[in-house]
Amino acid sequence: MRVQVVRKKNSLIARLKGELDHHTAALFREAVDRELKKESVQNLVLNLQNLTFMDSSGIGAILGRYNRVKEKGGRVVICGCSKHVKKLLQLGGLLKIIPVYSDESSAVAEIMSKS
C-alpha cells in the first residue's frame, strides 16, 4: 500500500494505492495522523481511486481518521471508490456520515467551498 498526502490550504488529500487491510492500516493511520497533527490541517479528502482491496481494518482506520477530523471541527469526504469499496463503506455505515464524490476535483471543490 502506498499513501500519498498532499496539502491544499487547510485540507489534506490522501491518495491510497493498493490494499487497505490489517497489514497496511497502520501505515495509512500514521501517514494521515502525522499531517492531521498540524494546526493548519482541518479537512480530509480520501481518494480511493487506486484502492484495490479493503477489509474491516480499513473501515476502522477510515472511521478513526473521521473522528480525529471531526474533533478538529473539520470534514471528511471520499472520492473515486470502486463499486466493491463503496459497498464495503456502505456495509460499514460510513456512507451515512461521509459523503462520496465521483472524483477528486469534485471532492476538493466541495471541501473548499465549505471551509
N, C-alpha and C. Protein backbone atom coordinates (compact mmCIF):
# COMPACT_ATOMS: atom_id res chain seq x y z
N MET A 1 0.83 -1.18 0.00
CA MET A 1 0.00 0.00 0.00
C MET A 1 0.88 1.24 0.00
N ARG A 2 0.45 2.21 -0.76
CA ARG A 2 1.14 3.50 -0.81
C ARG A 2 0.15 4.59 -0.46
N VAL A 3 0.56 5.52 0.38
CA VAL A 3 -0.28 6.66 0.75
C VAL A 3 0.47 7.92 0.35
N GLN A 4 -0.14 8.68 -0.53
CA GLN A 4 0.43 9.97 -0.93
C GLN A 4 -0.42 11.05 -0.29
N VAL A 5 0.21 11.93 0.46
CA VAL A 5 -0.52 13.02 1.10
C VAL A 5 -0.11 14.35 0.48
N VAL A 6 -1.11 15.17 0.19
CA VAL A 6 -0.90 16.47 -0.41
C VAL A 6 -1.73 17.47 0.37
N ARG A 7 -1.12 18.59 0.75
CA ARG A 7 -1.86 19.63 1.45
C ARG A 7 -2.34 20.66 0.46
N LYS A 8 -3.57 21.10 0.65
CA LYS A 8 -4.14 22.16 -0.16
C LYS A 8 -4.89 23.08 0.79
N LYS A 9 -4.27 24.22 1.09
CA LYS A 9 -4.77 25.16 2.10
C LYS A 9 -4.95 24.42 3.42
N ASN A 10 -6.18 24.40 3.96
CA ASN A 10 -6.40 23.77 5.26
C ASN A 10 -6.89 22.32 5.12
N SER A 11 -6.71 21.76 3.95
CA SER A 11 -7.18 20.40 3.70
C SER A 11 -6.03 19.46 3.34
N LEU A 12 -6.23 18.20 3.68
CA LEU A 12 -5.27 17.17 3.35
C LEU A 12 -5.93 16.21 2.37
N ILE A 13 -5.24 15.93 1.28
CA ILE A 13 -5.71 14.94 0.32
C ILE A 13 -4.83 13.71 0.49
N ALA A 14 -5.46 12.58 0.79
CA ALA A 14 -4.72 11.32 0.94
C ALA A 14 -5.13 10.41 -0.20
N ARG A 15 -4.16 10.07 -1.05
CA ARG A 15 -4.41 9.17 -2.19
C ARG A 15 -3.87 7.79 -1.83
N LEU A 16 -4.77 6.82 -1.80
CA LEU A 16 -4.40 5.46 -1.41
C LEU A 16 -4.25 4.58 -2.64
N LYS A 17 -3.19 3.77 -2.64
CA LYS A 17 -2.96 2.86 -3.76
C LYS A 17 -2.62 1.49 -3.19
N GLY A 18 -3.33 0.48 -3.67
CA GLY A 18 -3.08 -0.88 -3.19
C GLY A 18 -4.18 -1.37 -2.30
N GLU A 19 -3.81 -2.08 -1.23
CA GLU A 19 -4.78 -2.70 -0.34
C GLU A 19 -4.75 -2.04 1.04
N LEU A 20 -5.93 -1.72 1.54
CA LEU A 20 -6.08 -1.17 2.90
C LEU A 20 -6.70 -2.27 3.75
N ASP A 21 -5.82 -2.99 4.45
CA ASP A 21 -6.28 -4.12 5.25
C ASP A 21 -5.51 -4.17 6.56
N HIS A 22 -5.61 -5.27 7.29
CA HIS A 22 -4.96 -5.36 8.60
C HIS A 22 -3.44 -5.27 8.51
N HIS A 23 -2.87 -5.52 7.36
CA HIS A 23 -1.42 -5.40 7.18
C HIS A 23 -0.98 -3.96 6.93
N THR A 24 -1.85 -3.15 6.35
CA THR A 24 -1.45 -1.81 5.90
C THR A 24 -2.18 -0.67 6.60
N ALA A 25 -3.17 -0.98 7.43
CA ALA A 25 -3.96 0.08 8.08
C ALA A 25 -3.08 1.00 8.93
N ALA A 26 -2.07 0.44 9.60
CA ALA A 26 -1.19 1.27 10.44
C ALA A 26 -0.42 2.28 9.59
N LEU A 27 0.04 1.88 8.42
CA LEU A 27 0.74 2.79 7.52
C LEU A 27 -0.17 3.97 7.14
N PHE A 28 -1.41 3.66 6.80
CA PHE A 28 -2.38 4.69 6.46
C PHE A 28 -2.61 5.63 7.65
N ARG A 29 -2.85 5.06 8.82
CA ARG A 29 -3.12 5.87 10.02
C ARG A 29 -1.95 6.80 10.32
N GLU A 30 -0.74 6.27 10.29
CA GLU A 30 0.44 7.07 10.62
C GLU A 30 0.66 8.20 9.62
N ALA A 31 0.51 7.92 8.34
CA ALA A 31 0.73 8.94 7.31
C ALA A 31 -0.28 10.08 7.44
N VAL A 32 -1.54 9.74 7.68
CA VAL A 32 -2.58 10.77 7.79
C VAL A 32 -2.49 11.49 9.13
N ASP A 33 -2.31 10.75 10.21
CA ASP A 33 -2.25 11.37 11.54
C ASP A 33 -1.09 12.35 11.67
N ARG A 34 0.04 12.04 11.04
CA ARG A 34 1.20 12.94 11.09
C ARG A 34 0.81 14.32 10.55
N GLU A 35 0.03 14.35 9.48
CA GLU A 35 -0.39 15.63 8.89
C GLU A 35 -1.55 16.26 9.68
N LEU A 36 -2.44 15.43 10.20
CA LEU A 36 -3.58 15.97 10.95
C LEU A 36 -3.15 16.65 12.25
N LYS A 37 -1.98 16.28 12.76
CA LYS A 37 -1.48 16.91 13.99
C LYS A 37 -1.11 18.37 13.77
N LYS A 38 -0.90 18.73 12.53
CA LYS A 38 -0.52 20.11 12.23
C LYS A 38 -1.76 21.00 12.38
N GLU A 39 -1.56 22.12 13.03
CA GLU A 39 -2.67 23.03 13.35
C GLU A 39 -3.47 23.45 12.12
N SER A 40 -2.80 23.69 11.02
CA SER A 40 -3.47 24.25 9.84
C SER A 40 -4.31 23.24 9.06
N VAL A 41 -4.18 21.95 9.36
CA VAL A 41 -4.94 20.94 8.62
C VAL A 41 -6.26 20.68 9.34
N GLN A 42 -7.35 20.90 8.63
CA GLN A 42 -8.67 20.73 9.24
C GLN A 42 -9.50 19.66 8.54
N ASN A 43 -9.44 19.59 7.21
CA ASN A 43 -10.29 18.70 6.44
C ASN A 43 -9.48 17.57 5.80
N LEU A 44 -10.19 16.50 5.42
CA LEU A 44 -9.53 15.34 4.83
C LEU A 44 -10.32 14.86 3.63
N VAL A 45 -9.63 14.72 2.49
CA VAL A 45 -10.19 14.12 1.29
C VAL A 45 -9.48 12.78 1.11
N LEU A 46 -10.25 11.70 1.09
CA LEU A 46 -9.69 10.37 0.86
C LEU A 46 -9.96 9.96 -0.58
N ASN A 47 -8.90 9.89 -1.37
CA ASN A 47 -9.03 9.47 -2.76
C ASN A 47 -8.75 7.97 -2.82
N LEU A 48 -9.80 7.19 -3.08
CA LEU A 48 -9.68 5.73 -3.09
C LEU A 48 -9.69 5.16 -4.50
N GLN A 49 -9.42 6.00 -5.48
CA GLN A 49 -9.46 5.59 -6.89
C GLN A 49 -8.57 4.39 -7.18
N ASN A 50 -7.41 4.33 -6.55
CA ASN A 50 -6.46 3.25 -6.81
C ASN A 50 -6.39 2.22 -5.69
N LEU A 51 -7.44 2.20 -4.86
CA LEU A 51 -7.53 1.20 -3.81
C LEU A 51 -8.09 -0.08 -4.42
N THR A 52 -7.35 -1.17 -4.30
CA THR A 52 -7.77 -2.42 -4.94
C THR A 52 -8.51 -3.36 -4.01
N PHE A 53 -8.33 -3.17 -2.69
CA PHE A 53 -8.97 -4.05 -1.72
C PHE A 53 -9.05 -3.33 -0.38
N MET A 54 -10.12 -3.61 0.37
CA MET A 54 -10.25 -3.07 1.72
C MET A 54 -11.01 -4.08 2.57
N ASP A 55 -10.59 -4.22 3.83
CA ASP A 55 -11.32 -5.09 4.75
C ASP A 55 -11.80 -4.25 5.94
N SER A 56 -12.28 -4.91 6.98
CA SER A 56 -12.82 -4.20 8.14
C SER A 56 -11.77 -3.36 8.85
N SER A 57 -10.51 -3.74 8.77
CA SER A 57 -9.44 -2.93 9.35
C SER A 57 -9.34 -1.59 8.64
N GLY A 58 -9.54 -1.61 7.34
CA GLY A 58 -9.54 -0.37 6.56
C GLY A 58 -10.70 0.52 6.94
N ILE A 59 -11.87 -0.08 7.13
CA ILE A 59 -13.04 0.70 7.55
C ILE A 59 -12.77 1.33 8.91
N GLY A 60 -12.20 0.56 9.82
CA GLY A 60 -11.86 1.09 11.14
C GLY A 60 -10.85 2.22 11.07
N ALA A 61 -9.87 2.09 10.20
CA ALA A 61 -8.85 3.13 10.05
C ALA A 61 -9.47 4.42 9.50
N ILE A 62 -10.37 4.29 8.54
CA ILE A 62 -11.05 5.47 7.99
C ILE A 62 -11.92 6.10 9.06
N LEU A 63 -12.66 5.30 9.81
CA LEU A 63 -13.52 5.82 10.87
C LEU A 63 -12.70 6.55 11.93
N GLY A 64 -11.56 6.03 12.26
CA GLY A 64 -10.68 6.70 13.22
C GLY A 64 -10.22 8.06 12.74
N ARG A 65 -9.87 8.16 11.45
CA ARG A 65 -9.45 9.45 10.91
C ARG A 65 -10.64 10.41 10.86
N TYR A 66 -11.82 9.88 10.55
CA TYR A 66 -13.04 10.69 10.56
C TYR A 66 -13.23 11.32 11.95
N ASN A 67 -13.09 10.52 13.00
CA ASN A 67 -13.26 11.03 14.36
C ASN A 67 -12.24 12.10 14.70
N ARG A 68 -10.99 11.92 14.29
CA ARG A 68 -9.95 12.93 14.54
C ARG A 68 -10.28 14.25 13.85
N VAL A 69 -10.72 14.15 12.60
CA VAL A 69 -11.05 15.37 11.84
C VAL A 69 -12.26 16.07 12.46
N LYS A 70 -13.25 15.32 12.86
CA LYS A 70 -14.44 15.92 13.49
C LYS A 70 -14.07 16.63 14.79
N GLU A 71 -13.13 16.06 15.56
CA GLU A 71 -12.67 16.70 16.79
C GLU A 71 -12.06 18.07 16.51
N LYS A 72 -11.46 18.23 15.33
CA LYS A 72 -10.85 19.50 14.95
C LYS A 72 -11.88 20.45 14.31
N GLY A 73 -13.12 19.99 14.17
CA GLY A 73 -14.15 20.81 13.55
C GLY A 73 -14.13 20.76 12.03
N GLY A 74 -13.47 19.75 11.48
CA GLY A 74 -13.35 19.64 10.03
C GLY A 74 -14.31 18.64 9.42
N ARG A 75 -14.11 18.40 8.13
CA ARG A 75 -14.97 17.49 7.36
C ARG A 75 -14.12 16.47 6.64
N VAL A 76 -14.72 15.31 6.39
CA VAL A 76 -14.08 14.24 5.62
C VAL A 76 -14.97 13.94 4.43
N VAL A 77 -14.36 13.78 3.27
CA VAL A 77 -15.08 13.32 2.08
C VAL A 77 -14.24 12.23 1.42
N ILE A 78 -14.93 11.36 0.70
CA ILE A 78 -14.27 10.27 -0.01
C ILE A 78 -14.55 10.45 -1.50
N CYS A 79 -13.60 10.07 -2.33
CA CYS A 79 -13.85 10.14 -3.77
C CYS A 79 -13.20 8.96 -4.48
N GLY A 80 -13.71 8.69 -5.66
CA GLY A 80 -13.10 7.74 -6.58
C GLY A 80 -13.13 6.29 -6.16
N CYS A 81 -14.11 5.88 -5.39
CA CYS A 81 -14.08 4.47 -4.96
C CYS A 81 -14.81 3.56 -5.94
N SER A 82 -14.31 2.35 -6.03
CA SER A 82 -14.92 1.34 -6.89
C SER A 82 -16.25 0.88 -6.29
N LYS A 83 -17.02 0.14 -7.07
CA LYS A 83 -18.30 -0.40 -6.57
C LYS A 83 -18.07 -1.29 -5.36
N HIS A 84 -17.03 -2.11 -5.42
CA HIS A 84 -16.72 -3.03 -4.32
C HIS A 84 -16.41 -2.26 -3.04
N VAL A 85 -15.53 -1.26 -3.13
CA VAL A 85 -15.15 -0.47 -1.96
C VAL A 85 -16.35 0.32 -1.45
N LYS A 86 -17.13 0.87 -2.36
CA LYS A 86 -18.31 1.63 -1.95
C LYS A 86 -19.29 0.74 -1.18
N LYS A 87 -19.44 -0.49 -1.62
CA LYS A 87 -20.32 -1.44 -0.93
C LYS A 87 -19.81 -1.71 0.48
N LEU A 88 -18.50 -1.88 0.63
CA LEU A 88 -17.92 -2.09 1.97
C LEU A 88 -18.14 -0.87 2.86
N LEU A 89 -17.97 0.32 2.29
CA LEU A 89 -18.21 1.55 3.06
C LEU A 89 -19.67 1.63 3.51
N GLN A 90 -20.56 1.20 2.63
CA GLN A 90 -21.98 1.21 2.96
C GLN A 90 -22.28 0.20 4.07
N LEU A 91 -21.76 -1.01 3.95
CA LEU A 91 -21.98 -2.04 4.97
C LEU A 91 -21.39 -1.62 6.31
N GLY A 92 -20.29 -0.89 6.28
CA GLY A 92 -19.65 -0.42 7.50
C GLY A 92 -20.31 0.81 8.09
N GLY A 93 -21.32 1.34 7.42
CA GLY A 93 -22.05 2.51 7.92
C GLY A 93 -21.39 3.84 7.65
N LEU A 94 -20.27 3.84 6.93
CA LEU A 94 -19.55 5.10 6.70
C LEU A 94 -20.26 6.04 5.73
N LEU A 95 -21.05 5.48 4.82
CA LEU A 95 -21.73 6.35 3.84
C LEU A 95 -22.84 7.18 4.49
N LYS A 96 -23.20 6.84 5.71
CA LYS A 96 -24.19 7.64 6.44
C LYS A 96 -23.57 8.91 7.00
N ILE A 97 -22.26 8.90 7.17
CA ILE A 97 -21.60 10.05 7.81
C ILE A 97 -20.56 10.74 6.91
N ILE A 98 -20.10 10.06 5.86
CA ILE A 98 -19.08 10.63 4.98
C ILE A 98 -19.61 10.68 3.56
N PRO A 99 -19.69 11.89 2.97
CA PRO A 99 -20.14 11.98 1.57
C PRO A 99 -19.11 11.42 0.60
N VAL A 100 -19.61 10.88 -0.51
CA VAL A 100 -18.75 10.30 -1.54
C VAL A 100 -18.94 11.07 -2.84
N TYR A 101 -17.83 11.40 -3.49
CA TYR A 101 -17.84 12.11 -4.77
C TYR A 101 -17.18 11.25 -5.82
N SER A 102 -17.53 11.48 -7.05
CA SER A 102 -17.02 10.64 -8.13
C SER A 102 -15.53 10.85 -8.39
N ASP A 103 -15.03 12.07 -8.20
CA ASP A 103 -13.62 12.34 -8.49
C ASP A 103 -13.04 13.33 -7.50
N GLU A 104 -11.72 13.42 -7.51
CA GLU A 104 -11.02 14.26 -6.55
C GLU A 104 -11.34 15.74 -6.71
N SER A 105 -11.45 16.21 -7.93
CA SER A 105 -11.71 17.64 -8.12
C SER A 105 -13.06 18.04 -7.54
N SER A 106 -14.07 17.19 -7.68
CA SER A 106 -15.39 17.47 -7.09
C SER A 106 -15.32 17.47 -5.57
N ALA A 107 -14.60 16.51 -5.02
CA ALA A 107 -14.47 16.39 -3.56
C ALA A 107 -13.73 17.60 -2.99
N VAL A 108 -12.64 17.99 -3.63
CA VAL A 108 -11.86 19.15 -3.16
C VAL A 108 -12.68 20.42 -3.28
N ALA A 109 -13.40 20.59 -4.37
CA ALA A 109 -14.24 21.77 -4.55
C ALA A 109 -15.29 21.85 -3.44
N GLU A 110 -15.87 20.74 -3.07
CA GLU A 110 -16.87 20.71 -2.00
C GLU A 110 -16.26 21.08 -0.66
N ILE A 111 -15.12 20.52 -0.34
CA ILE A 111 -14.44 20.83 0.92
C ILE A 111 -14.06 22.31 0.96
N MET A 112 -13.50 22.80 -0.13
CA MET A 112 -13.05 24.20 -0.16
C MET A 112 -14.22 25.18 -0.07
N SER A 113 -15.35 24.81 -0.63
CA SER A 113 -16.50 25.73 -0.61
C SER A 113 -17.10 25.88 0.79
N LYS A 114 -16.86 24.90 1.65
CA LYS A 114 -17.45 24.92 2.99
C LYS A 114 -16.41 25.29 4.05
N SER A 115 -15.18 25.60 3.64
CA SER A 115 -14.13 25.93 4.62
C SER A 115 -14.14 27.39 4.97
